[in-house]
Amino acid sequence: MIRYTLRCSQGHTFDEWFASIGAFEEQRDGESLRCPECGDTRVHKPIAAPAVNSSGRQAEPEPATCGAPGCGGGMCGMP
């Protein structure tokens, strides 16, 4: 499933779920997709900016755990 944030021609935004991009396009082109606020069928998917890490740092990896009882509490033999 894909969640899109959509906008109608009146400027209302709303989220909808679709099985694929094709399912979204089919509903949009068939005018079965409507704005829940005003009922407008002129709905489009605004261009979304990708998520960007502006700090320049990479996220720290999660520490590895083996899953054994006591793991993470200083009793695990895993380094």
PDB file of N, CA and C in Angstrom:
ATOM      1  N   MET A   1       0.840  -1.182   0.000  1.00  0.00           N
ATOM      2  CA  MET A   1       0.000   0.000   0.000  1.00  0.00           C
ATOM      3  C   MET A   1       0.888   1.248   0.000  1.00  0.00           C
ATOM      4  N   ILE A   2       0.413   2.261  -0.688  1.00  0.00           N
ATOM      5  CA  ILE A   2       1.126   3.527  -0.782  1.00  0.00           C
ATOM      6  C   ILE A   2       0.222   4.630  -0.248  1.00  0.00           C
ATOM      7  N   ARG A   3       0.767   5.477   0.616  1.00  0.00           N
ATOM      8  CA  ARG A   3      -0.008   6.612   1.106  1.00  0.00           C
ATOM      9  C   ARG A   3       0.459   7.868   0.386  1.00  0.00           C
ATOM     10  N   TYR A   4      -0.498   8.566  -0.207  1.00  0.00           N
ATOM     11  CA  TYR A   4      -0.205   9.830  -0.866  1.00  0.00           C
ATOM     12  C   TYR A   4      -0.914  10.951  -0.141  1.00  0.00           C
ATOM     13  N   THR A   5      -0.239  12.079  -0.024  1.00  0.00           N
ATOM     14  CA  THR A   5      -0.873  13.305   0.420  1.00  0.00           C
ATOM     15  C   THR A   5      -1.317  14.005  -0.855  1.00  0.00           C
ATOM     16  N   LEU A   6      -2.616  14.231  -0.974  1.00  0.00           N
ATOM     17  CA  LEU A   6      -3.203  14.792  -2.186  1.00  0.00           C
ATOM     18  C   LEU A   6      -3.713  16.195  -1.937  1.00  0.00           C
ATOM     19  N   ARG A   7      -3.930  16.924  -3.026  1.00  0.00           N
ATOM     20  CA  ARG A   7      -4.473  18.290  -2.930  1.00  0.00           C
ATOM     21  C   ARG A   7      -5.522  18.469  -4.031  1.00  0.00           C
ATOM     22  N   CYS A   8      -6.641  19.076  -3.655  1.00  0.00           N
ATOM     23  CA  CYS A   8      -7.671  19.371  -4.646  1.00  0.00           C
ATOM     24  C   CYS A   8      -7.417  20.757  -5.237  1.00  0.00           C
ATOM     25  N   SER A   9      -8.176  21.131  -6.263  1.00  0.00           N
ATOM     26  CA  SER A   9      -7.968  22.424  -6.919  1.00  0.00           C
ATOM     27  C   SER A   9      -8.348  23.595  -6.015  1.00  0.00           C
ATOM     28  N   GLN A  10      -9.054  23.322  -4.913  1.00  0.00           N
ATOM     29  CA  GLN A  10      -9.417  24.368  -3.960  1.00  0.00           C
ATOM     30  C   GLN A  10      -8.349  24.549  -2.878  1.00  0.00           C
ATOM     31  N   GLY A  11      -7.295  23.712  -2.912  1.00  0.00           N
ATOM     32  CA  GLY A  11      -6.189  23.841  -1.967  1.00  0.00           C
ATOM     33  C   GLY A  11      -6.290  22.982  -0.724  1.00  0.00           C
ATOM     34  N   HIS A  12      -7.332  22.147  -0.613  1.00  0.00           N
ATOM     35  CA  HIS A  12      -7.458  21.263   0.551  1.00  0.00           C
ATOM     36  C   HIS A  12      -6.493  20.088   0.387  1.00  0.00           C
ATOM     37  N   THR A  13      -5.835  19.692   1.468  1.00  0.00           N
ATOM     38  CA  THR A  13      -4.949  18.528   1.422  1.00  0.00           C
ATOM     39  C   THR A  13      -5.544  17.403   2.268  1.00  0.00           C
ATOM     40  N   PHE A  14      -5.292  16.180   1.813  1.00  0.00           N
ATOM     41  CA  PHE A  14      -5.784  14.997   2.517  1.00  0.00           C
ATOM     42  C   PHE A  14      -4.943  13.797   2.115  1.00  0.00           C
ATOM     43  N   ASP A  15      -4.923  12.775   2.955  1.00  0.00           N
ATOM     44  CA  ASP A  15      -4.166  11.544   2.699  1.00  0.00           C
ATOM     45  C   ASP A  15      -5.105  10.438   2.252  1.00  0.00           C
ATOM     46  N   GLU A  16      -4.638   9.641   1.306  1.00  0.00           N
ATOM     47  CA  GLU A  16      -5.365   8.457   0.825  1.00  0.00           C
ATOM     48  C   GLU A  16      -4.367   7.331   0.611  1.00  0.00           C
ATOM     49  N   TRP A  17      -4.843   6.097   0.753  1.00  0.00           N
ATOM     50  CA  TRP A  17      -4.031   4.902   0.531  1.00  0.00           C
ATOM     51  C   TRP A  17      -4.420   4.260  -0.790  1.00  0.00           C
ATOM     52  N   PHE A  18      -3.411   3.759  -1.540  1.00  0.00           N
ATOM     53  CA  PHE A  18      -3.640   3.102  -2.824  1.00  0.00           C
ATOM     54  C   PHE A  18      -2.786   1.848  -2.905  1.00  0.00           C
ATOM     55  N   ALA A  19      -3.263   0.876  -3.670  1.00  0.00           N
ATOM     56  CA  ALA A  19      -2.512  -0.368  -3.842  1.00  0.00           C
ATOM     57  C   ALA A  19      -1.270  -0.141  -4.708  1.00  0.00           C
ATOM     58  N   SER A  20      -1.321   0.859  -5.607  1.00  0.00           N
ATOM     59  CA  SER A  20      -0.197   1.140  -6.506  1.00  0.00           C
ATOM     60  C   SER A  20      -0.386   2.520  -7.111  1.00  0.00           C
ATOM     61  N   ILE A  21       0.642   3.007  -7.821  1.00  0.00           N
ATOM     62  CA  ILE A  21       0.513   4.275  -8.527  1.00  0.00           C
ATOM     63  C   ILE A  21      -0.566   4.155  -9.597  1.00  0.00           C
ATOM     64  N   GLY A  22      -0.668   2.976 -10.202  1.00  0.00           N
ATOM     65  CA  GLY A  22      -1.697   2.747 -11.218  1.00  0.00           C
ATOM     66  C   GLY A  22      -3.100   2.863 -10.639  1.00  0.00           C
ATOM     67  N   ALA A  23      -3.294   2.365  -9.419  1.00  0.00           N
ATOM     68  CA  ALA A  23      -4.608   2.461  -8.772  1.00  0.00           C
ATOM     69  C   ALA A  23      -4.958   3.920  -8.502  1.00  0.00           C
ATOM     70  N   PHE A  24      -3.964   4.709  -8.076  1.00  0.00           N
ATOM     71  CA  PHE A  24      -4.197   6.140  -7.863  1.00  0.00           C
ATOM     72  C   PHE A  24      -4.601   6.804  -9.171  1.00  0.00           C
ATOM     73  N   GLU A  25      -3.832   6.570 -10.246  1.00  0.00           N
ATOM     74  CA  GLU A  25      -4.101   7.199 -11.530  1.00  0.00           C
ATOM     75  C   GLU A  25      -5.469   6.797 -12.082  1.00  0.00           C
ATOM     76  N   GLU A  26      -5.835   5.524 -11.900  1.00  0.00           N
ATOM     77  CA  GLU A  26      -7.134   5.042 -12.368  1.00  0.00           C
ATOM     78  C   GLU A  26      -8.278   5.753 -11.654  1.00  0.00           C
ATOM     79  N   GLN A  27      -8.171   5.880 -10.334  1.00  0.00           N
ATOM     80  CA  GLN A  27      -9.219   6.572  -9.569  1.00  0.00           C
ATOM     81  C   GLN A  27      -9.262   8.059  -9.910  1.00  0.00           C
ATOM     82  N   ARG A  28      -8.092   8.664 -10.048  1.00  0.00           N
ATOM     83  CA  ARG A  28      -8.033  10.095 -10.389  1.00  0.00           C
ATOM     84  C   ARG A  28      -8.623  10.349 -11.769  1.00  0.00           C
ATOM     85  N   ASP A  29      -8.216   9.557 -12.763  1.00  0.00           N
ATOM     86  CA  ASP A  29      -8.684   9.758 -14.122  1.00  0.00           C
ATOM     87  C   ASP A  29     -10.162   9.421 -14.275  1.00  0.00           C
ATOM     88  N   GLY A  30     -10.660   8.489 -13.468  1.00  0.00           N
ATOM     89  CA  GLY A  30     -12.077   8.121 -13.518  1.00  0.00           C
ATOM     90  C   GLY A  30     -12.955   9.040 -12.695  1.00  0.00           C
ATOM     91  N   GLU A  31     -12.347  10.035 -12.068  1.00  0.00           N
ATOM     92  CA  GLU A  31     -13.038  11.009 -11.226  1.00  0.00           C
ATOM     93  C   GLU A  31     -13.799  10.381 -10.066  1.00  0.00           C
ATOM     94  N   SER A  32     -13.340   9.203  -9.625  1.00  0.00           N
ATOM     95  CA  SER A  32     -13.949   8.597  -8.434  1.00  0.00           C
ATOM     96  C   SER A  32     -13.238   9.059  -7.161  1.00  0.00           C
ATOM     97  N   LEU A  33     -12.114   9.738  -7.322  1.00  0.00           N
ATOM     98  CA  LEU A  33     -11.354  10.267  -6.199  1.00  0.00           C
ATOM     99  C   LEU A  33     -11.851  11.681  -5.931  1.00  0.00           C
ATOM    100  N   ARG A  34     -12.316  11.917  -4.709  1.00  0.00           N
ATOM    101  CA  ARG A  34     -12.893  13.216  -4.346  1.00  0.00           C
ATOM    102  C   ARG A  34     -12.270  13.757  -3.066  1.00  0.00           C
ATOM    103  N   CYS A  35     -12.178  15.070  -3.000  1.00  0.00           N
ATOM    104  CA  CYS A  35     -11.724  15.739  -1.786  1.00  0.00           C
ATOM    105  C   CYS A  35     -12.778  15.521  -0.705  1.00  0.00           C
ATOM    106  N   PRO A  36     -12.391  15.030   0.467  1.00  0.00           N
ATOM    107  CA  PRO A  36     -13.376  14.793   1.522  1.00  0.00           C
ATOM    108  C   PRO A  36     -13.964  16.082   2.105  1.00  0.00           C
ATOM    109  N   GLU A  37     -13.287  17.209   1.886  1.00  0.00           N
ATOM    110  CA  GLU A  37     -13.778  18.469   2.442  1.00  0.00           C
ATOM    111  C   GLU A  37     -14.795  19.158   1.537  1.00  0.00           C
ATOM    112  N   CYS A  38     -14.518  19.181   0.215  1.00  0.00           N
ATOM    113  CA  CYS A  38     -15.412  19.928  -0.680  1.00  0.00           C
ATOM    114  C   CYS A  38     -16.004  19.091  -1.811  1.00  0.00           C
ATOM    115  N   GLY A  39     -15.540  17.840  -1.974  1.00  0.00           N
ATOM    116  CA  GLY A  39     -16.076  16.978  -3.018  1.00  0.00           C
ATOM    117  C   GLY A  39     -15.462  17.194  -4.395  1.00  0.00           C
ATOM    118  N   ASP A  40     -14.471  18.052  -4.509  1.00  0.00           N
ATOM    119  CA  ASP A  40     -13.813  18.347  -5.779  1.00  0.00           C
ATOM    120  C   ASP A  40     -13.154  17.079  -6.331  1.00  0.00           C
ATOM    121  N   THR A  41     -13.328  16.821  -7.633  1.00  0.00           N
ATOM    122  CA  THR A  41     -12.705  15.662  -8.270  1.00  0.00           C
ATOM    123  C   THR A  41     -11.411  16.045  -8.984  1.00  0.00           C
ATOM    124  N   ARG A  42     -11.043  17.310  -8.985  1.00  0.00           N
ATOM    125  CA  ARG A  42      -9.777  17.749  -9.602  1.00  0.00           C
ATOM    126  C   ARG A  42      -8.688  17.635  -8.536  1.00  0.00           C
ATOM    127  N   VAL A  43      -8.202  16.417  -8.386  1.00  0.00           N
ATOM    128  CA  VAL A  43      -7.244  16.072  -7.331  1.00  0.00           C
ATOM    129  C   VAL A  43      -5.902  15.731  -7.972  1.00  0.00           C
ATOM    130  N   HIS A  44      -4.819  16.200  -7.371  1.00  0.00           N
ATOM    131  CA  HIS A  44      -3.492  15.861  -7.863  1.00  0.00           C
ATOM    132  C   HIS A  44      -2.562  15.534  -6.695  1.00  0.00           C
ATOM    133  N   LYS A  45      -1.453  14.917  -7.055  1.00  0.00           N
ATOM    134  CA  LYS A  45      -0.429  14.544  -6.082  1.00  0.00           C
ATOM    135  C   LYS A  45       0.698  15.558  -6.215  1.00  0.00           C
ATOM    136  N   PRO A  46       0.826  16.471  -5.236  1.00  0.00           N
ATOM    137  CA  PRO A  46       1.902  17.465  -5.322  1.00  0.00           C
ATOM    138  C   PRO A  46       3.270  16.787  -5.289  1.00  0.00           C
ATOM    139  N   ILE A  47       4.240  17.432  -5.892  1.00  0.00           N
ATOM    140  CA  ILE A  47       5.604  16.915  -5.858  1.00  0.00           C
ATOM    141  C   ILE A  47       6.107  17.009  -4.421  1.00  0.00           C
ATOM    142  N   ALA A  48       6.634  15.908  -3.936  1.00  0.00           N
ATOM    143  CA  ALA A  48       7.128  15.857  -2.560  1.00  0.00           C
ATOM    144  C   ALA A  48       8.652  15.906  -2.574  1.00  0.00           C
ATOM    145  N   ALA A  49       9.209  16.680  -1.697  1.00  0.00           N
ATOM    146  CA  ALA A  49      10.665  16.743  -1.562  1.00  0.00           C
ATOM    147  C   ALA A  49      11.147  15.513  -0.798  1.00  0.00           C
ATOM    148  N   PRO A  50      12.258  14.929  -1.212  1.00  0.00           N
ATOM    149  CA  PRO A  50      12.775  13.769  -0.479  1.00  0.00           C
ATOM    150  C   PRO A  50      13.321  14.199   0.876  1.00  0.00           C
ATOM    151  N   ALA A  51      13.350  13.274   1.790  1.00  0.00           N
ATOM    152  CA  ALA A  51      13.933  13.546   3.110  1.00  0.00           C
ATOM    153  C   ALA A  51      15.439  13.710   2.944  1.00  0.00           C
ATOM    154  N   VAL A  52      15.975  14.770   3.518  1.00  0.00           N
ATOM    155  CA  VAL A  52      17.395  15.064   3.391  1.00  0.00           C
ATOM    156  C   VAL A  52      17.992  15.223   4.784  1.00  0.00           C
ATOM    157  N   ASN A  53      19.131  14.601   5.002  1.00  0.00           N
ATOM    158  CA  ASN A  53      19.845  14.737   6.267  1.00  0.00           C
ATOM    159  C   ASN A  53      20.685  16.005   6.173  1.00  0.00           C
ATOM    160  N   SER A  54      20.214  17.084   6.771  1.00  0.00           N
ATOM    161  CA  SER A  54      20.903  18.366   6.651  1.00  0.00           C
ATOM    162  C   SER A  54      22.042  18.529   7.654  1.00  0.00           C
ATOM    163  N   SER A  55      22.168  17.614   8.596  1.00  0.00           N
ATOM    164  CA  SER A  55      23.226  17.753   9.594  1.00  0.00           C
ATOM    165  C   SER A  55      24.573  17.301   9.059  1.00  0.00           C
ATOM    166  N   GLY A  56      24.579  16.531   7.966  1.00  0.00           N
ATOM    167  CA  GLY A  56      25.823  16.030   7.408  1.00  0.00           C
ATOM    168  C   GLY A  56      26.364  14.818   8.145  1.00  0.00           C
ATOM    169  N   ARG A  57      25.687  14.406   9.228  1.00  0.00           N
ATOM    170  CA  ARG A  57      26.131  13.246   9.998  1.00  0.00           C
ATOM    171  C   ARG A  57      25.276  12.043   9.635  1.00  0.00           C
ATOM    172  N   GLN A  58      25.888  10.881   9.643  1.00  0.00           N
ATOM    173  CA  GLN A  58      25.145   9.655   9.443  1.00  0.00           C
ATOM    174  C   GLN A  58      24.556   9.213  10.770  1.00  0.00           C
ATOM    175  N   ALA A  59      23.402   8.571  10.698  1.00  0.00           N
ATOM    176  CA  ALA A  59      22.767   8.064  11.914  1.00  0.00           C
ATOM    177  C   ALA A  59      23.647   6.985  12.537  1.00  0.00           C
ATOM    178  N   GLU A  60      23.698   6.969  13.847  1.00  0.00           N
ATOM    179  CA  GLU A  60      24.464   5.955  14.565  1.00  0.00           C
ATOM    180  C   GLU A  60      23.746   4.615  14.444  1.00  0.00           C
ATOM    181  N   PRO A  61      24.473   3.541  14.127  1.00  0.00           N
ATOM    182  CA  PRO A  61      23.834   2.230  14.049  1.00  0.00           C
ATOM    183  C   PRO A  61      23.419   1.752  15.434  1.00  0.00           C
ATOM    184  N   GLU A  62      22.355   0.970  15.460  1.00  0.00           N
ATOM    185  CA  GLU A  62      21.904   0.373  16.712  1.00  0.00           C
ATOM    186  C   GLU A  62      22.930  -0.655  17.159  1.00  0.00           C
ATOM    187  N   PRO A  63      23.212  -0.770  18.466  1.00  0.00           N
ATOM    188  CA  PRO A  63      24.160  -1.786  18.928  1.00  0.00           C
ATOM    189  C   PRO A  63      23.601  -3.187  18.689  1.00  0.00           C
ATOM    190  N   ALA A  64      24.490  -4.078  18.317  1.00  0.00           N
ATOM    191  CA  ALA A  64      24.080  -5.460  18.055  1.00  0.00           C
ATOM    192  C   ALA A  64      23.768  -6.176  19.360  1.00  0.00           C
ATOM    193  N   THR A  65      22.726  -6.973  19.339  1.00  0.00           N
ATOM    194  CA  THR A  65      22.385  -7.815  20.484  1.00  0.00           C
ATOM    195  C   THR A  65      22.106  -9.213  19.968  1.00  0.00           C
ATOM    196  N   CYS A  66      22.373 -10.184  20.817  1.00  0.00           N
ATOM    197  CA  CYS A  66      22.174 -11.562  20.382  1.00  0.00           C
ATOM    198  C   CYS A  66      20.781 -12.076  20.706  1.00  0.00           C
ATOM    199  N   GLY A  67      20.063 -11.396  21.568  1.00  0.00           N
ATOM    200  CA  GLY A  67      18.702 -11.805  21.901  1.00  0.00           C
ATOM    201  C   GLY A  67      18.610 -12.810  23.041  1.00  0.00           C
ATOM    202  N   ALA A  68      19.749 -13.233  23.577  1.00  0.00           N
ATOM    203  CA  ALA A  68      19.727 -14.192  24.686  1.00  0.00           C
ATOM    204  C   ALA A  68      19.279 -13.502  25.965  1.00  0.00           C
ATOM    205  N   PRO A  69      18.732 -14.278  26.932  1.00  0.00           N
ATOM    206  CA  PRO A  69      18.365 -13.674  28.211  1.00  0.00           C
ATOM    207  C   PRO A  69      19.587 -13.005  28.835  1.00  0.00           C
ATOM    208  N   GLY A  70      19.397 -11.803  29.329  1.00  0.00           N
ATOM    209  CA  GLY A  70      20.487 -11.061  29.944  1.00  0.00           C
ATOM    210  C   GLY A  70      21.308 -10.259  28.944  1.00  0.00           C
ATOM    211  N   CYS A  71      21.036 -10.412  27.664  1.00  0.00           N
ATOM    212  CA  CYS A  71      21.781  -9.677  26.646  1.00  0.00           C
ATOM    213  C   CYS A  71      21.512  -8.189  26.827  1.00  0.00           C
ATOM    214  N   GLY A  72      22.528  -7.392  26.805  1.00  0.00           N
ATOM    215  CA  GLY A  72      22.396  -5.962  26.983  1.00  0.00           C
ATOM    216  C   GLY A  72      22.511  -5.546  28.432  1.00  0.00           C
ATOM    217  N   GLY A  73      22.489  -6.486  29.334  1.00  0.00           N
ATOM    218  CA  GLY A  73      22.595  -6.169  30.751  1.00  0.00           C
ATOM    219  C   GLY A  73      23.971  -6.488  31.303  1.00  0.00           C
ATOM    220  N   GLY A  74      24.942  -6.626  30.434  1.00  0.00           N
ATOM    221  CA  GLY A  74      26.302  -6.882  30.887  1.00  0.00           C
ATOM    222  C   GLY A  74      26.599  -8.357  31.077  1.00  0.00           C
ATOM    223  N   MET A  75      25.610  -9.233  30.835  1.00  0.00           N
ATOM    224  CA  MET A  75      25.806 -10.662  31.039  1.00  0.00           C
ATOM    225  C   MET A  75      26.030 -11.393  29.726  1.00  0.00           C
ATOM    226  N   CYS A  76      25.913 -10.689  28.634  1.00  0.00           N
ATOM    227  CA  CYS A  76      26.055 -11.325  27.322  1.00  0.00           C
ATOM    228  C   CYS A  76      27.541 -11.413  26.987  1.00  0.00           C
ATOM    229  N   GLY A  77      27.918 -12.498  26.368  1.00  0.00           N
ATOM    230  CA  GLY A  77      29.311 -12.673  25.963  1.00  0.00           C
ATOM    231  C   GLY A  77      29.623 -12.025  24.628  1.00  0.00           C
ATOM    232  N   MET A  78      28.623 -11.468  23.992  1.00  0.00           N
ATOM    233  CA  MET A  78      28.836 -10.827  22.698  1.00  0.00           C
ATOM    234  C   MET A  78      29.525  -9.475  22.910  1.00  0.00           C
ATOM    235  N   PRO A  79      30.589  -9.195  22.144  1.00  0.00           N
ATOM    236  CA  PRO A  79      31.311  -7.932  22.346  1.00  0.00           C
ATOM    237  C   PRO A  79      30.476  -6.742  21.922  1.00  0.00           C
TER     238      PRO A  79
END
